[in-house]
Amino acid sequence: MILTRHNTALFLINNGLLDMGSLLANALAIRSHSQRNRGFSVLWPNGQGYYVKQHQPDAGPWEKRSSVAHEADMLQRLADRPGVPTLRFYDAWRQALVVDWLAATCSADERAVRAGLPDVSVAQVIGRALARLHQDLTGVPVQDLAGNPPWVIRLDRLYPLAGEDQSWGQAHLVALVQSLGECMDVLAQLAADWPREQLIHGDMKWQNCRLHGERCVFVDWEMADRGDPLWDVAGLCQSWLKDWIDRQPPASDAREAAWQASQGFVPYQRALAQVWRGYCQGLEATPDAERLLRLCGARLLQTLYEDLAGERDLGAGHTLLLQLARNLLVAPQTARHWLEDA
């Protein structure tokens, strides 16, 4: 069964998650949220409900071990842990999972910036919640997981060629970064000393943080693997840095864009400092701030690559983001005060 808005209710009925009486007595709202995989919210009038996700291959037959199958495995391992969604059902044959719809929460991208300015209290809440999550993940068995570094850290494995899976803009970016020996050296070192001791989320960003007061639930565990906890922190920092760049007015060239961006960075720097402060408050030892900043540079390269999907070349904003990523990779010491000056 390929799930659609029209048969998702039937899928829930067939698997005991929805009964005909409830279906007849209430008007259900079923909406599609499909992106990388199929996704559907099934909501009652009171806002309660389910989120259903099904594997959606790019082409050809289904993979035996899809990202949805992997997420279901992770959620089963993390059952009853705070900050993790509750897995209600998984159909291995159809590679479809069901979790509760987090009705009382909102996505962090709705609260992290208000009236054009970062909310530093939200930054600290998410930082603290991530520290608690990482502490809770330390005892999860991970020996069977690959522990591969994120793909962007192994950028040497990509070819600067445009094709069905890589736009001209993305190919241009790969060629540019591969021509920067200092950046490639840092990425190679990050790959060489990639830690594999504990489970991490692997795809941390505002959209995967659901907030309810001081509580945060982290969703979308498709990329979970054993790795560096600071990669998750870098994902959060990337969200603030990307929003800062995105809010800059149009500029005629990269020089003007850089000047304009510097004028509006102060409130974003405060948010980054609060993320770091909130995260470190929950840990026994303070992590390596410069390693975090290098990982932020790598995470920004990943974001830039994703933004260039379908683009023919880099614009002024893309160039500014690339320059920021390069600076963080090769000279993190110059940005360390971002994290230390609240």
Protein backbone atom coordinates (compact mmCIF):
# COMPACT_ATOMS: atom_id res chain seq x y z
CA MET A 1 0.00 0.00 0.00
CA ILE A 2 1.39 3.37 -1.06
CA LEU A 3 0.00 5.85 1.44
CA THR A 4 -1.90 8.92 0.28
CA ARG A 5 -4.23 11.39 1.98
CA HIS A 6 -7.11 9.21 0.84
CA ASN A 7 -6.04 5.87 2.31
CA THR A 8 -4.02 6.85 5.40
CA ALA A 9 -7.13 6.56 7.61
CA LEU A 10 -7.70 3.03 6.27
CA PHE A 11 -4.08 2.16 7.09
CA LEU A 12 -4.64 3.31 10.69
CA ILE A 13 -7.92 1.37 10.96
CA ASN A 14 -6.34 -1.82 9.60
CA ASN A 15 -3.59 -1.59 12.21
CA GLY A 16 -5.80 -0.85 15.23
CA LEU A 17 -4.86 2.80 15.64
CA LEU A 18 -8.22 4.19 14.55
CA ASP A 19 -11.72 2.74 14.87
CA MET A 20 -14.72 3.23 12.63
CA GLY A 21 -16.78 4.77 15.44
CA SER A 22 -14.23 7.48 16.02
CA LEU A 23 -13.93 8.06 12.29
CA LEU A 24 -17.69 8.50 11.91
CA ALA A 25 -18.09 10.64 15.02
CA ASN A 26 -15.31 13.09 14.26
CA ALA A 27 -14.16 15.02 11.24
CA LEU A 28 -10.54 14.05 10.72
CA ALA A 29 -8.12 16.46 9.06
CA ILE A 30 -5.51 14.61 6.98
CA ARG A 31 -2.77 16.74 5.47
CA SER A 32 0.28 15.89 3.44
CA HIS A 33 3.72 16.94 4.69
CA SER A 34 5.71 14.91 2.18
CA GLN A 35 9.30 15.93 1.54
CA ARG A 36 12.12 13.37 1.45
CA ASN A 37 9.55 10.73 2.44
CA ARG A 38 5.76 10.62 2.45
CA GLY A 39 4.32 12.25 5.56
CA PHE A 40 0.74 12.76 6.72
CA SER A 41 -0.80 14.33 9.82
CA VAL A 42 -4.10 12.80 10.96
CA LEU A 43 -5.78 15.15 13.42
CA TRP A 44 -8.95 15.21 15.50
CA PRO A 45 -10.75 18.53 16.14
CA ASN A 46 -9.00 18.82 19.55
CA GLY A 47 -5.60 18.81 17.81
CA GLN A 48 -4.60 15.33 18.94
CA GLY A 49 -3.66 12.73 16.36
CA TYR A 50 -0.85 10.92 14.60
CA TYR A 51 1.96 11.61 12.22
CA VAL A 52 2.43 8.89 9.60
CA LYS A 53 5.63 8.59 7.59
CA GLN A 54 6.37 6.17 4.74
CA HIS A 55 9.51 5.53 2.74
CA GLN A 56 9.53 7.19 -0.66
CA PRO A 57 12.39 6.01 -2.89
CA ASP A 58 13.92 8.42 -5.37
CA ALA A 59 13.68 5.83 -8.13
CA GLY A 60 13.53 2.09 -8.69
CA PRO A 61 12.72 -0.54 -6.04
CA TRP A 62 12.51 0.14 -2.34
CA GLU A 63 15.67 -0.16 -0.29
CA LYS A 64 15.75 -2.97 2.24
CA ARG A 65 17.01 -0.51 4.85
CA SER A 66 15.38 2.83 4.17
CA SER A 67 15.74 5.98 6.27
CA VAL A 68 12.22 5.35 7.64
CA ALA A 69 13.16 1.80 8.67
CA HIS A 70 16.24 3.25 10.36
CA GLU A 71 14.17 5.87 12.18
CA ALA A 72 11.75 3.22 13.43
CA ASP A 73 14.70 1.23 14.78
CA MET A 74 16.07 4.31 16.55
CA LEU A 75 12.70 5.19 18.11
CA GLN A 76 12.33 1.61 19.36
CA ARG A 77 15.74 1.83 21.01
CA LEU A 78 14.88 5.19 22.55
CA ALA A 79 11.43 4.22 23.84
CA ASP A 80 10.23 6.16 26.91
CA ARG A 81 13.15 8.60 26.86
CA PRO A 82 12.26 12.27 27.33
CA GLY A 83 12.78 14.46 24.31
CA VAL A 84 12.05 11.61 21.87
CA PRO A 85 8.72 10.98 20.05
CA THR A 86 6.76 7.87 20.99
CA LEU A 87 6.63 5.24 18.25
CA ARG A 88 3.07 3.89 18.12
CA PHE A 89 3.41 1.46 15.24
CA TYR A 90 5.80 0.35 12.52
CA ASP A 91 4.90 -1.69 9.43
CA ALA A 92 8.18 -3.18 8.20
CA TRP A 93 6.61 -4.49 4.97
CA ARG A 94 5.26 -1.09 3.94
CA GLN A 95 8.10 0.78 5.68
CA ALA A 96 5.64 3.10 7.40
CA LEU A 97 5.77 4.36 10.98
CA VAL A 98 3.28 6.16 13.21
CA VAL A 99 4.11 8.56 16.04
CA ASP A 100 1.94 10.87 18.10
CA TRP A 101 1.20 14.27 16.66
CA LEU A 102 2.79 16.74 19.11
CA ALA A 103 -0.25 18.96 19.33
CA ALA A 104 0.85 21.15 22.23
CA THR A 105 4.20 21.99 20.66
CA CYS A 106 5.42 24.36 17.97
CA SER A 107 8.42 24.16 15.68
CA ALA A 108 11.45 26.11 16.87
CA ASP A 109 11.53 28.01 13.58
CA GLU A 110 8.26 29.66 14.70
CA ARG A 111 9.78 30.96 17.95
CA ALA A 112 13.53 31.25 17.48
CA VAL A 113 13.20 34.63 15.74
CA ARG A 114 10.46 37.10 16.59
CA ALA A 115 9.88 40.46 14.91
CA GLY A 116 13.11 39.93 13.00
CA LEU A 117 15.27 39.39 16.11
CA PRO A 118 16.50 36.12 17.67
CA ASP A 119 14.84 35.12 20.95
CA VAL A 120 17.80 34.31 23.21
CA SER A 121 15.59 32.53 25.75
CA VAL A 122 14.55 30.02 23.09
CA ALA A 123 18.21 29.52 22.18
CA GLN A 124 19.08 28.64 25.77
CA VAL A 125 16.08 26.31 26.15
CA ILE A 126 17.10 24.33 23.09
CA GLY A 127 20.75 24.22 24.16
CA ARG A 128 19.81 22.84 27.59
CA ALA A 129 17.39 20.33 26.10
CA LEU A 130 20.04 19.06 23.69
CA ALA A 131 22.52 18.58 26.55
CA ARG A 132 19.92 16.53 28.45
CA LEU A 133 19.24 14.47 25.35
CA HIS A 134 22.92 13.73 24.79
CA GLN A 135 23.38 12.72 28.42
CA ASP A 136 20.44 10.34 28.07
CA LEU A 137 21.86 8.84 24.86
CA THR A 138 25.21 7.88 26.39
CA GLY A 139 23.94 4.45 27.48
CA VAL A 140 22.23 3.50 24.21
CA PRO A 141 23.98 0.53 22.47
CA VAL A 142 25.45 1.72 19.16
CA GLN A 143 28.03 -0.92 18.24
CA ASP A 144 25.96 -2.12 15.29
CA LEU A 145 25.71 1.37 13.72
CA ALA A 146 28.10 2.46 10.98
CA GLY A 147 29.36 5.63 12.63
CA ASN A 148 30.15 7.25 9.30
CA PRO A 149 30.97 10.99 9.29
CA PRO A 150 28.34 13.22 7.64
CA TRP A 151 28.68 13.16 3.84
CA VAL A 152 29.77 16.80 3.66
CA ILE A 153 32.85 16.04 5.77
CA ARG A 154 33.86 13.56 3.06
CA LEU A 155 33.43 16.10 0.28
CA ASP A 156 36.50 14.61 -1.39
CA ARG A 157 34.26 11.74 -2.52
CA LEU A 158 32.01 13.97 -4.62
CA TYR A 159 32.64 14.78 -8.26
CA PRO A 160 32.20 18.38 -9.53
CA LEU A 161 29.88 17.24 -12.29
CA ALA A 162 26.31 18.30 -13.04
CA GLY A 163 23.75 15.60 -13.66
CA GLU A 164 20.44 14.18 -12.56
CA ASP A 165 21.38 14.26 -8.86
CA GLN A 166 23.58 17.38 -8.81
CA SER A 167 22.83 20.81 -10.25
CA TRP A 168 25.35 23.07 -11.96
CA GLY A 169 25.40 25.25 -8.87
CA GLN A 170 26.12 22.27 -6.62
CA ALA A 171 28.84 21.04 -8.97
CA HIS A 172 30.38 24.52 -8.95
CA LEU A 173 30.35 24.54 -5.15
CA VAL A 174 32.06 21.13 -4.98
CA ALA A 175 34.76 22.35 -7.37
CA LEU A 176 35.27 25.56 -5.39
CA VAL A 177 35.62 23.83 -2.03
CA GLN A 178 37.87 21.10 -3.44
CA SER A 179 40.14 23.84 -4.79
CA LEU A 180 40.54 25.24 -1.26
CA GLY A 181 43.23 22.99 0.12
CA GLU A 182 43.02 24.46 3.61
CA CYS A 183 39.31 23.63 3.82
CA MET A 184 39.81 20.11 2.50
CA ASP A 185 42.59 19.53 5.03
CA VAL A 186 40.27 20.50 7.90
CA LEU A 187 37.47 18.30 6.57
CA ALA A 188 39.90 15.39 6.24
CA GLN A 189 41.02 15.86 9.85
CA LEU A 190 37.40 15.99 11.07
CA ALA A 191 36.76 12.72 9.24
CA ALA A 192 39.92 11.10 10.61
CA ASP A 193 39.09 11.82 14.26
CA TRP A 194 35.32 11.40 14.00
CA PRO A 195 34.16 9.98 17.38
CA ARG A 196 31.94 6.90 17.46
CA GLU A 197 31.20 6.43 21.13
CA GLN A 198 27.56 7.51 21.36
CA LEU A 199 24.35 8.00 19.46
CA ILE A 200 23.56 11.44 18.03
CA HIS A 201 20.51 12.80 16.22
CA GLY A 202 22.51 13.67 13.10
CA ASP A 203 20.09 16.15 11.50
CA MET A 204 19.62 18.84 14.12
CA LYS A 205 17.97 22.09 13.01
CA TRP A 206 15.08 24.31 14.06
CA GLN A 207 12.55 22.32 12.06
CA ASN A 208 13.37 19.16 14.04
CA CYS A 209 12.89 20.81 17.46
CA ARG A 210 9.34 20.91 18.85
CA LEU A 211 8.95 23.32 21.77
CA HIS A 212 6.49 23.40 24.66
CA GLY A 213 7.58 25.84 27.34
CA GLU A 214 10.90 24.60 28.75
CA ARG A 215 10.38 21.21 27.12
CA CYS A 216 11.77 20.24 23.72
CA VAL A 217 11.04 17.12 21.68
CA PHE A 218 13.49 16.27 18.90
CA VAL A 219 11.84 14.70 15.85
CA ASP A 220 12.99 13.08 12.58
CA TRP A 221 15.59 10.48 13.59
CA GLU A 222 16.30 9.26 10.05
CA MET A 223 19.96 10.36 10.19
CA ALA A 224 20.73 9.10 13.71
CA ASP A 225 24.09 7.37 14.02
CA ARG A 226 26.99 7.13 16.42
CA GLY A 227 29.13 10.21 16.10
CA ASP A 228 30.17 13.58 17.49
CA PRO A 229 27.58 15.24 19.78
CA LEU A 230 28.97 18.61 18.66
CA TRP A 231 27.61 17.87 15.17
CA ASP A 232 24.12 18.22 16.66
CA VAL A 233 25.10 21.51 18.31
CA ALA A 234 26.55 22.70 15.00
CA GLY A 235 23.23 21.91 13.33
CA LEU A 236 21.44 24.21 15.76
CA CYS A 237 24.00 26.99 15.35
CA GLN A 238 23.67 26.63 11.58
CA SER A 239 19.96 27.47 11.85
CA TRP A 240 20.73 30.85 13.44
CA LEU A 241 23.61 31.60 11.09
CA LYS A 242 21.55 30.71 8.01
CA ASP A 243 18.63 32.87 9.19
CA TRP A 244 21.03 35.78 9.72
CA ILE A 245 22.36 35.48 6.17
CA ASP A 246 18.87 35.00 4.68
CA ARG A 247 17.59 38.21 6.24
CA GLN A 248 20.19 40.40 4.60
CA PRO A 249 18.89 42.84 1.97
CA PRO A 250 19.96 42.39 -1.66
CA ALA A 251 23.49 43.55 -2.41
CA SER A 252 25.27 44.37 -5.65
CA ASP A 253 28.33 42.25 -4.81
CA ALA A 254 29.86 40.03 -2.13
CA ARG A 255 31.74 42.93 -0.49
CA GLU A 256 28.57 44.94 0.05
CA ALA A 257 26.74 41.82 1.23
CA ALA A 258 29.44 41.13 3.83
CA TRP A 259 29.27 44.70 5.16
CA GLN A 260 25.48 44.61 5.46
CA ALA A 261 25.55 41.22 7.18
CA SER A 262 28.04 42.40 9.81
CA GLN A 263 25.65 45.18 10.85
CA GLY A 264 22.91 42.75 11.84
CA PHE A 265 25.00 40.02 13.44
CA VAL A 266 25.01 41.20 17.08
CA PRO A 267 21.64 39.71 18.15
CA TYR A 268 22.48 36.45 16.36
CA GLN A 269 25.82 36.28 18.17
CA ARG A 270 23.95 36.56 21.47
CA ALA A 271 21.68 33.69 20.46
CA LEU A 272 24.68 31.51 19.55
CA ALA A 273 26.26 32.29 22.92
CA GLN A 274 23.05 31.26 24.70
CA VAL A 275 22.84 27.98 22.79
CA TRP A 276 26.42 27.22 23.84
CA ARG A 277 25.87 28.35 27.42
CA GLY A 278 22.68 26.31 27.73
CA TYR A 279 24.37 23.25 26.29
CA CYS A 280 27.50 23.48 28.47
CA GLN A 281 25.48 24.03 31.65
CA GLY A 282 24.20 20.48 31.39
CA LEU A 283 27.61 18.85 30.96
CA GLU A 284 30.37 17.90 33.39
CA ALA A 285 33.16 19.17 31.12
CA THR A 286 33.08 21.99 28.59
CA PRO A 287 33.49 20.68 25.01
CA ASP A 288 35.99 22.07 22.51
CA ALA A 289 34.52 25.35 21.24
CA GLU A 290 36.88 25.57 18.27
CA ARG A 291 35.93 22.07 17.11
CA LEU A 292 32.28 23.13 17.30
CA LEU A 293 33.00 26.14 15.09
CA ARG A 294 34.79 23.96 12.53
CA LEU A 295 31.78 21.67 12.49
CA CYS A 296 29.55 24.75 12.03
CA GLY A 297 31.59 25.55 8.93
CA ALA A 298 31.05 22.04 7.58
CA ARG A 299 27.33 22.18 8.41
CA LEU A 300 27.02 25.49 6.56
CA LEU A 301 28.61 23.87 3.49
CA GLN A 302 25.91 21.20 3.65
CA THR A 303 23.20 23.86 3.90
CA LEU A 304 24.70 25.76 0.98
CA TYR A 305 24.85 22.61 -1.12
CA GLU A 306 21.18 21.91 -0.38
CA ASP A 307 20.22 25.51 -1.22
CA LEU A 308 21.92 25.20 -4.62
CA ALA A 309 19.69 22.33 -5.74
CA GLY A 310 18.29 23.40 -9.10
CA GLU A 311 20.53 26.49 -9.30
CA ARG A 312 23.01 27.16 -12.10
CA ASP A 313 25.52 29.19 -10.09
CA LEU A 314 26.25 30.87 -6.78
CA GLY A 315 24.71 34.26 -6.08
CA ALA A 316 26.04 36.96 -3.73
CA GLY A 317 24.28 35.41 -0.73
CA HIS A 318 25.67 31.98 -1.56
CA THR A 319 29.17 33.44 -1.83
CA LEU A 320 28.79 35.09 1.56
CA LEU A 321 27.68 31.79 3.11
CA LEU A 322 30.64 30.01 1.51
CA GLN A 323 33.04 32.63 2.88
CA LEU A 324 31.58 32.23 6.36
CA ALA A 325 31.90 28.45 6.15
CA ARG A 326 35.49 28.74 4.99
CA ASN A 327 36.40 31.14 7.82
CA LEU A 328 34.89 28.86 10.47
CA LEU A 329 36.69 25.83 9.08
CA VAL A 330 40.18 27.29 8.86
CA ALA A 331 40.17 30.02 11.55
CA PRO A 332 37.69 29.04 14.29
CA GLN A 333 39.76 30.87 16.93
CA THR A 334 38.72 34.21 15.42
CA ALA A 335 35.05 33.40 16.07
CA ARG A 336 35.42 31.83 19.51
CA HIS A 337 34.19 35.03 21.18
CA TRP A 338 30.82 34.45 19.49
CA LEU A 339 30.22 31.65 22.00
CA GLU A 340 31.84 33.25 25.00
CA ASP A 341 30.45 36.81 24.89
CA ALA A 342 26.81 36.59 25.96
